[in-house]
């Protein structure tokens, strides 16, 4: 759950920065947010979550 919240917060910050910088307009940003909302309630959500979890585990296992 903590990883999901962190990813949502990071993506929200990126979206706000892109809107304020003018690289994405408000309309497409709303469409992207709605797409994410509906994608999260679809049957693909567990697959996407498993992928993001495996990416997070891979990044966590990297020793610098």
PDB file of N, CA and C in Angstrom:
ATOM      1  N   UNK A   1       0.818  -1.197   0.000  1.00  0.00           N
ATOM      2  CA  UNK A   1       0.000   0.000   0.000  1.00  0.00           C
ATOM      3  C   UNK A   1       0.857   1.254   0.000  1.00  0.00           C
ATOM      4  N   UNK A   2       1.971   1.228   0.714  1.00  0.00           N
ATOM      5  CA  UNK A   2       2.841   2.403   0.776  1.00  0.00           C
ATOM      6  C   UNK A   2       3.435   2.712  -0.585  1.00  0.00           C
ATOM      7  N   UNK A   3       3.771   1.665  -1.342  1.00  0.00           N
ATOM      8  CA  UNK A   3       4.329   1.885  -2.672  1.00  0.00           C
ATOM      9  C   UNK A   3       3.276   2.496  -3.577  1.00  0.00           C
ATOM     10  N   UNK A   4       2.057   2.011  -3.521  1.00  0.00           N
ATOM     11  CA  UNK A   4       0.986   2.550  -4.359  1.00  0.00           C
ATOM     12  C   UNK A   4       0.738   4.014  -4.049  1.00  0.00           C
ATOM     13  N   UNK A   5       0.710   4.351  -2.771  1.00  0.00           N
ATOM     14  CA  UNK A   5       0.488   5.734  -2.378  1.00  0.00           C
ATOM     15  C   UNK A   5       1.637   6.610  -2.856  1.00  0.00           C
ATOM     16  N   UNK A   6       2.860   6.126  -2.747  1.00  0.00           N
ATOM     17  CA  UNK A   6       4.020   6.891  -3.197  1.00  0.00           C
ATOM     18  C   UNK A   6       3.976   7.122  -4.699  1.00  0.00           C
ATOM     19  N   UNK A   7       3.603   6.097  -5.461  1.00  0.00           N
ATOM     20  CA  UNK A   7       3.520   6.237  -6.912  1.00  0.00           C
ATOM     21  C   UNK A   7       2.422   7.221  -7.288  1.00  0.00           C
ATOM     22  N   UNK A   8       1.277   7.138  -6.627  1.00  0.00           N
ATOM     23  CA  UNK A   8       0.176   8.065  -6.913  1.00  0.00           C
ATOM     24  C   UNK A   8       0.603   9.497  -6.602  1.00  0.00           C
ATOM     25  N   UNK A   9       1.254   9.690  -5.478  1.00  0.00           N
ATOM     26  CA  UNK A   9       1.707  11.034  -5.107  1.00  0.00           C
ATOM     27  C   UNK A   9       2.738  11.552  -6.111  1.00  0.00           C
ATOM     28  N   UNK A  10       3.685  10.714  -6.502  1.00  0.00           N
ATOM     29  CA  UNK A  10       4.703  11.114  -7.468  1.00  0.00           C
ATOM     30  C   UNK A  10       4.068  11.482  -8.808  1.00  0.00           C
ATOM     31  N   UNK A  11       3.146  10.657  -9.288  1.00  0.00           N
ATOM     32  CA  UNK A  11       2.497  10.945 -10.562  1.00  0.00           C
ATOM     33  C   UNK A  11       1.641  12.204 -10.484  1.00  0.00           C
ATOM     34  N   UNK A  12       0.994  12.440  -9.349  1.00  0.00           N
ATOM     35  CA  UNK A  12       0.203  13.659  -9.181  1.00  0.00           C
ATOM     36  C   UNK A  12       1.096  14.900  -9.221  1.00  0.00           C
ATOM     37  N   UNK A  13       2.242  14.824  -8.583  1.00  0.00           N
ATOM     38  CA  UNK A  13       3.180  15.958  -8.595  1.00  0.00           C
ATOM     39  C   UNK A  13       3.688  16.218 -10.004  1.00  0.00           C
ATOM     40  N   UNK A  14       4.036  15.143 -10.720  1.00  0.00           N
ATOM     41  CA  UNK A  14       4.506  15.296 -12.103  1.00  0.00           C
ATOM     42  C   UNK A  14       3.415  15.919 -12.969  1.00  0.00           C
ATOM     43  N   UNK A  15       2.175  15.489 -12.785  1.00  0.00           N
ATOM     44  CA  UNK A  15       1.067  16.023 -13.560  1.00  0.00           C
ATOM     45  C   UNK A  15       0.860  17.510 -13.278  1.00  0.00           C
ATOM     46  N   UNK A  16       0.922  17.906 -12.022  1.00  0.00           N
ATOM     47  CA  UNK A  16       0.760  19.324 -11.669  1.00  0.00           C
ATOM     48  C   UNK A  16       1.891  20.156 -12.267  1.00  0.00           C
ATOM     49  N   UNK A  17       3.112  19.662 -12.203  1.00  0.00           N
ATOM     50  CA  UNK A  17       4.250  20.391 -12.781  1.00  0.00           C
ATOM     51  C   UNK A  17       4.089  20.527 -14.288  1.00  0.00           C
ATOM     52  N   UNK A  18       3.642  19.454 -14.948  1.00  0.00           N
ATOM     53  CA  UNK A  18       3.456  19.513 -16.397  1.00  0.00           C
ATOM     54  C   UNK A  18       2.343  20.490 -16.785  1.00  0.00           C
ATOM     55  N   UNK A  19       1.290  20.553 -15.997  1.00  0.00           N
ATOM     56  CA  UNK A  19       0.211  21.495 -16.286  1.00  0.00           C
ATOM     57  C   UNK A  19       0.709  22.920 -16.098  1.00  0.00           C
ATOM     58  N   UNK A  20       1.418  23.161 -15.002  1.00  0.00           N
ATOM     59  CA  UNK A  20       1.902  24.518 -14.722  1.00  0.00           C
ATOM     60  C   UNK A  20       2.969  24.960 -15.725  1.00  0.00           C
ATOM     61  N   UNK A  21       3.770  24.019 -16.228  1.00  0.00           N
ATOM     62  CA  UNK A  21       4.803  24.354 -17.202  1.00  0.00           C
ATOM     63  C   UNK A  21       4.229  24.552 -18.598  1.00  0.00           C
ATOM     64  N   UNK A  22       2.998  24.138 -18.797  1.00  0.00           N
ATOM     65  CA  UNK A  22       2.361  24.310 -20.091  1.00  0.00           C
ATOM     66  C   UNK A  22       2.661  23.197 -21.071  1.00  0.00           C
ATOM     67  N   UNK A  23       3.348  22.134 -20.615  1.00  0.00           N
ATOM     68  CA  UNK A  23       3.645  21.038 -21.525  1.00  0.00           C
ATOM     69  C   UNK A  23       2.464  20.092 -21.694  1.00  0.00           C
ATOM     70  N   UNK A  24       1.472  20.205 -20.833  1.00  0.00           N
ATOM     71  CA  UNK A  24       0.219  19.459 -20.999  1.00  0.00           C
ATOM     72  C   UNK A  24      -0.913  20.382 -20.561  1.00  0.00           C
ATOM     73  N   UNK A  25      -1.950  20.409 -21.357  1.00  0.00           N
ATOM     74  CA  UNK A  25      -3.096  21.273 -21.057  1.00  0.00           C
ATOM     75  C   UNK A  25      -4.033  20.578 -20.077  1.00  0.00           C
ATOM     76  N   UNK A  26      -4.948  21.324 -19.529  1.00  0.00           N
ATOM     77  CA  UNK A  26      -5.860  20.803 -18.516  1.00  0.00           C
ATOM     78  C   UNK A  26      -6.762  19.693 -19.057  1.00  0.00           C
ATOM     79  N   UNK A  27      -7.258  19.844 -20.264  1.00  0.00           N
ATOM     80  CA  UNK A  27      -8.144  18.843 -20.855  1.00  0.00           C
ATOM     81  C   UNK A  27      -7.490  17.465 -20.960  1.00  0.00           C
ATOM     82  N   UNK A  28      -6.331  17.371 -21.623  1.00  0.00           N
ATOM     83  CA  UNK A  28      -5.650  16.075 -21.686  1.00  0.00           C
ATOM     84  C   UNK A  28      -5.258  15.527 -20.310  1.00  0.00           C
ATOM     85  N   UNK A  29      -4.965  16.405 -19.367  1.00  0.00           N
ATOM     86  CA  UNK A  29      -4.624  15.958 -18.012  1.00  0.00           C
ATOM     87  C   UNK A  29      -5.833  15.306 -17.346  1.00  0.00           C
ATOM     88  N   UNK A  30      -7.006  15.886 -17.537  1.00  0.00           N
ATOM     89  CA  UNK A  30      -8.226  15.304 -16.975  1.00  0.00           C
ATOM     90  C   UNK A  30      -8.504  13.951 -17.625  1.00  0.00           C
ATOM     91  N   UNK A  31      -8.315  13.861 -18.942  1.00  0.00           N
ATOM     92  CA  UNK A  31      -8.515  12.591 -19.640  1.00  0.00           C
ATOM     93  C   UNK A  31      -7.538  11.537 -19.117  1.00  0.00           C
ATOM     94  N   UNK A  32      -6.276  11.922 -18.904  1.00  0.00           N
ATOM     95  CA  UNK A  32      -5.285  10.982 -18.387  1.00  0.00           C
ATOM     96  C   UNK A  32      -5.650  10.519 -16.980  1.00  0.00           C
ATOM     97  N   UNK A  33      -6.128  11.429 -16.153  1.00  0.00           N
ATOM     98  CA  UNK A  33      -6.523  11.061 -14.792  1.00  0.00           C
ATOM     99  C   UNK A  33      -7.731  10.128 -14.809  1.00  0.00           C
ATOM    100  N   UNK A  34      -8.695  10.401 -15.670  1.00  0.00           N
ATOM    101  CA  UNK A  34      -9.864   9.530 -15.777  1.00  0.00           C
ATOM    102  C   UNK A  34      -9.473   8.152 -16.319  1.00  0.00           C
ATOM    103  N   UNK A  35      -8.556   8.118 -17.273  1.00  0.00           N
ATOM    104  CA  UNK A  35      -8.076   6.842 -17.783  1.00  0.00           C
ATOM    105  C   UNK A  35      -7.445   6.022 -16.666  1.00  0.00           C
ATOM    106  N   UNK A  36      -6.619   6.660 -15.856  1.00  0.00           N
ATOM    107  CA  UNK A  36      -6.009   5.963 -14.723  1.00  0.00           C
ATOM    108  C   UNK A  36      -7.044   5.473 -13.727  1.00  0.00           C
ATOM    109  N   UNK A  37      -8.051   6.285 -13.479  1.00  0.00           N
ATOM    110  CA  UNK A  37      -9.114   5.903 -12.547  1.00  0.00           C
ATOM    111  C   UNK A  37      -9.863   4.678 -13.041  1.00  0.00           C
ATOM    112  N   UNK A  38     -10.268   4.693 -14.306  1.00  0.00           N
ATOM    113  CA  UNK A  38     -11.024   3.572 -14.849  1.00  0.00           C
ATOM    114  C   UNK A  38     -10.142   2.339 -15.066  1.00  0.00           C
ATOM    115  N   UNK A  39      -8.870   2.547 -15.382  1.00  0.00           N
ATOM    116  CA  UNK A  39      -7.945   1.422 -15.531  1.00  0.00           C
ATOM    117  C   UNK A  39      -7.741   0.719 -14.197  1.00  0.00           C
ATOM    118  N   UNK A  40      -7.732   1.493 -13.112  1.00  0.00           N
ATOM    119  CA  UNK A  40      -7.554   0.903 -11.784  1.00  0.00           C
ATOM    120  C   UNK A  40      -8.737   0.034 -11.381  1.00  0.00           C
ATOM    121  N   UNK A  41      -9.910   0.301 -11.927  1.00  0.00           N
ATOM    122  CA  UNK A  41     -11.070  -0.510 -11.588  1.00  0.00           C
ATOM    123  C   UNK A  41     -11.330  -1.617 -12.598  1.00  0.00           C
ATOM    124  N   UNK A  42     -10.426  -1.762 -13.565  1.00  0.00           N
ATOM    125  CA  UNK A  42     -10.617  -2.793 -14.585  1.00  0.00           C
ATOM    126  C   UNK A  42      -9.955  -4.095 -14.144  1.00  0.00           C
ATOM    127  N   UNK A  43     -10.067  -5.100 -14.974  1.00  0.00           N
ATOM    128  CA  UNK A  43      -9.458  -6.392 -14.699  1.00  0.00           C
ATOM    129  C   UNK A  43      -7.949  -6.382 -14.849  1.00  0.00           C
ATOM    130  N   UNK A  44      -7.407  -5.343 -15.465  1.00  0.00           N
ATOM    131  CA  UNK A  44      -5.956  -5.248 -15.648  1.00  0.00           C
ATOM    132  C   UNK A  44      -5.243  -4.722 -14.408  1.00  0.00           C
ATOM    133  N   UNK A  45      -5.971  -4.205 -13.449  1.00  0.00           N
ATOM    134  CA  UNK A  45      -5.362  -3.589 -12.263  1.00  0.00           C
ATOM    135  C   UNK A  45      -4.422  -4.530 -11.511  1.00  0.00           C
ATOM    136  N   UNK A  46      -4.788  -5.794 -11.249  1.00  0.00           N
ATOM    137  CA  UNK A  46      -3.847  -6.675 -10.536  1.00  0.00           C
ATOM    138  C   UNK A  46      -2.549  -6.923 -11.311  1.00  0.00           C
ATOM    139  N   UNK A  47      -2.646  -7.033 -12.633  1.00  0.00           N
ATOM    140  CA  UNK A  47      -1.453  -7.242 -13.458  1.00  0.00           C
ATOM    141  C   UNK A  47      -0.541  -6.027 -13.390  1.00  0.00           C
ATOM    142  N   UNK A  48      -1.117  -4.848 -13.487  1.00  0.00           N
ATOM    143  CA  UNK A  48      -0.336  -3.616 -13.410  1.00  0.00           C
ATOM    144  C   UNK A  48       0.295  -3.484 -12.028  1.00  0.00           C
ATOM    145  N   UNK A  49      -0.457  -3.797 -10.985  1.00  0.00           N
ATOM    146  CA  UNK A  49       0.061  -3.721  -9.620  1.00  0.00           C
ATOM    147  C   UNK A  49       1.206  -4.705  -9.420  1.00  0.00           C
ATOM    148  N   UNK A  50       1.077  -5.927  -9.932  1.00  0.00           N
ATOM    149  CA  UNK A  50       2.160  -6.910  -9.830  1.00  0.00           C
ATOM    150  C   UNK A  50       3.404  -6.430 -10.551  1.00  0.00           C
ATOM    151  N   UNK A  51       3.226  -5.816 -11.719  1.00  0.00           N
ATOM    152  CA  UNK A  51       4.368  -5.277 -12.462  1.00  0.00           C
ATOM    153  C   UNK A  51       5.059  -4.172 -11.671  1.00  0.00           C
ATOM    154  N   UNK A  52       4.277  -3.233 -11.129  1.00  0.00           N
ATOM    155  CA  UNK A  52       4.871  -2.137 -10.355  1.00  0.00           C
ATOM    156  C   UNK A  52       5.556  -2.651  -9.094  1.00  0.00           C
ATOM    157  N   UNK A  53       4.976  -3.677  -8.460  1.00  0.00           N
ATOM    158  CA  UNK A  53       5.608  -4.274  -7.281  1.00  0.00           C
ATOM    159  C   UNK A  53       6.938  -4.919  -7.644  1.00  0.00           C
ATOM    160  N   UNK A  54       6.990  -5.609  -8.787  1.00  0.00           N
ATOM    161  CA  UNK A  54       8.245  -6.248  -9.179  1.00  0.00           C
ATOM    162  C   UNK A  54       9.302  -5.219  -9.548  1.00  0.00           C
ATOM    163  N   UNK A  55       8.892  -4.122 -10.164  1.00  0.00           N
ATOM    164  CA  UNK A  55       9.839  -3.044 -10.462  1.00  0.00           C
ATOM    165  C   UNK A  55      10.379  -2.434  -9.166  1.00  0.00           C
ATOM    166  N   UNK A  56       9.499  -2.218  -8.201  1.00  0.00           N
ATOM    167  CA  UNK A  56       9.915  -1.654  -6.901  1.00  0.00           C
ATOM    168  C   UNK A  56      10.875  -2.603  -6.189  1.00  0.00           C
ATOM    169  N   UNK A  57      10.592  -3.913  -6.239  1.00  0.00           N
ATOM    170  CA  UNK A  57      11.501  -4.881  -5.611  1.00  0.00           C
ATOM    171  C   UNK A  57      12.844  -4.904  -6.309  1.00  0.00           C
ATOM    172  N   UNK A  58      12.846  -4.786  -7.627  1.00  0.00           N
ATOM    173  CA  UNK A  58      14.099  -4.776  -8.393  1.00  0.00           C
ATOM    174  C   UNK A  58      14.936  -3.556  -8.044  1.00  0.00           C
ATOM    175  N   UNK A  59      14.278  -2.412  -7.967  1.00  0.00           N
ATOM    176  CA  UNK A  59      15.004  -1.176  -7.611  1.00  0.00           C
ATOM    177  C   UNK A  59      15.534  -1.279  -6.183  1.00  0.00           C
ATOM    178  N   UNK A  60      14.734  -1.856  -5.299  1.00  0.00           N
ATOM    179  CA  UNK A  60      15.136  -1.994  -3.902  1.00  0.00           C
ATOM    180  C   UNK A  60      16.323  -2.943  -3.737  1.00  0.00           C
ATOM    181  N   UNK A  61      16.452  -3.914  -4.634  1.00  0.00           N
ATOM    182  CA  UNK A  61      17.530  -4.901  -4.505  1.00  0.00           C
ATOM    183  C   UNK A  61      18.854  -4.404  -5.071  1.00  0.00           C
ATOM    184  N   UNK A  62      18.843  -3.276  -5.762  1.00  0.00           N
ATOM    185  CA  UNK A  62      20.081  -2.723  -6.320  1.00  0.00           C
ATOM    186  C   UNK A  62      20.915  -2.152  -5.174  1.00  0.00           C
ATOM    187  N   UNK A  63      22.146  -2.600  -5.088  1.00  0.00           N
ATOM    188  CA  UNK A  63      23.054  -2.105  -4.048  1.00  0.00           C
ATOM    189  C   UNK A  63      24.031  -1.118  -4.673  1.00  0.00           C
ATOM    190  N   UNK A  64      24.025   0.085  -4.189  1.00  0.00           N
ATOM    191  CA  UNK A  64      24.938   1.111  -4.719  1.00  0.00           C
ATOM    192  C   UNK A  64      26.174   1.164  -3.895  1.00  0.00           C
TER     193      UNK A  64
END
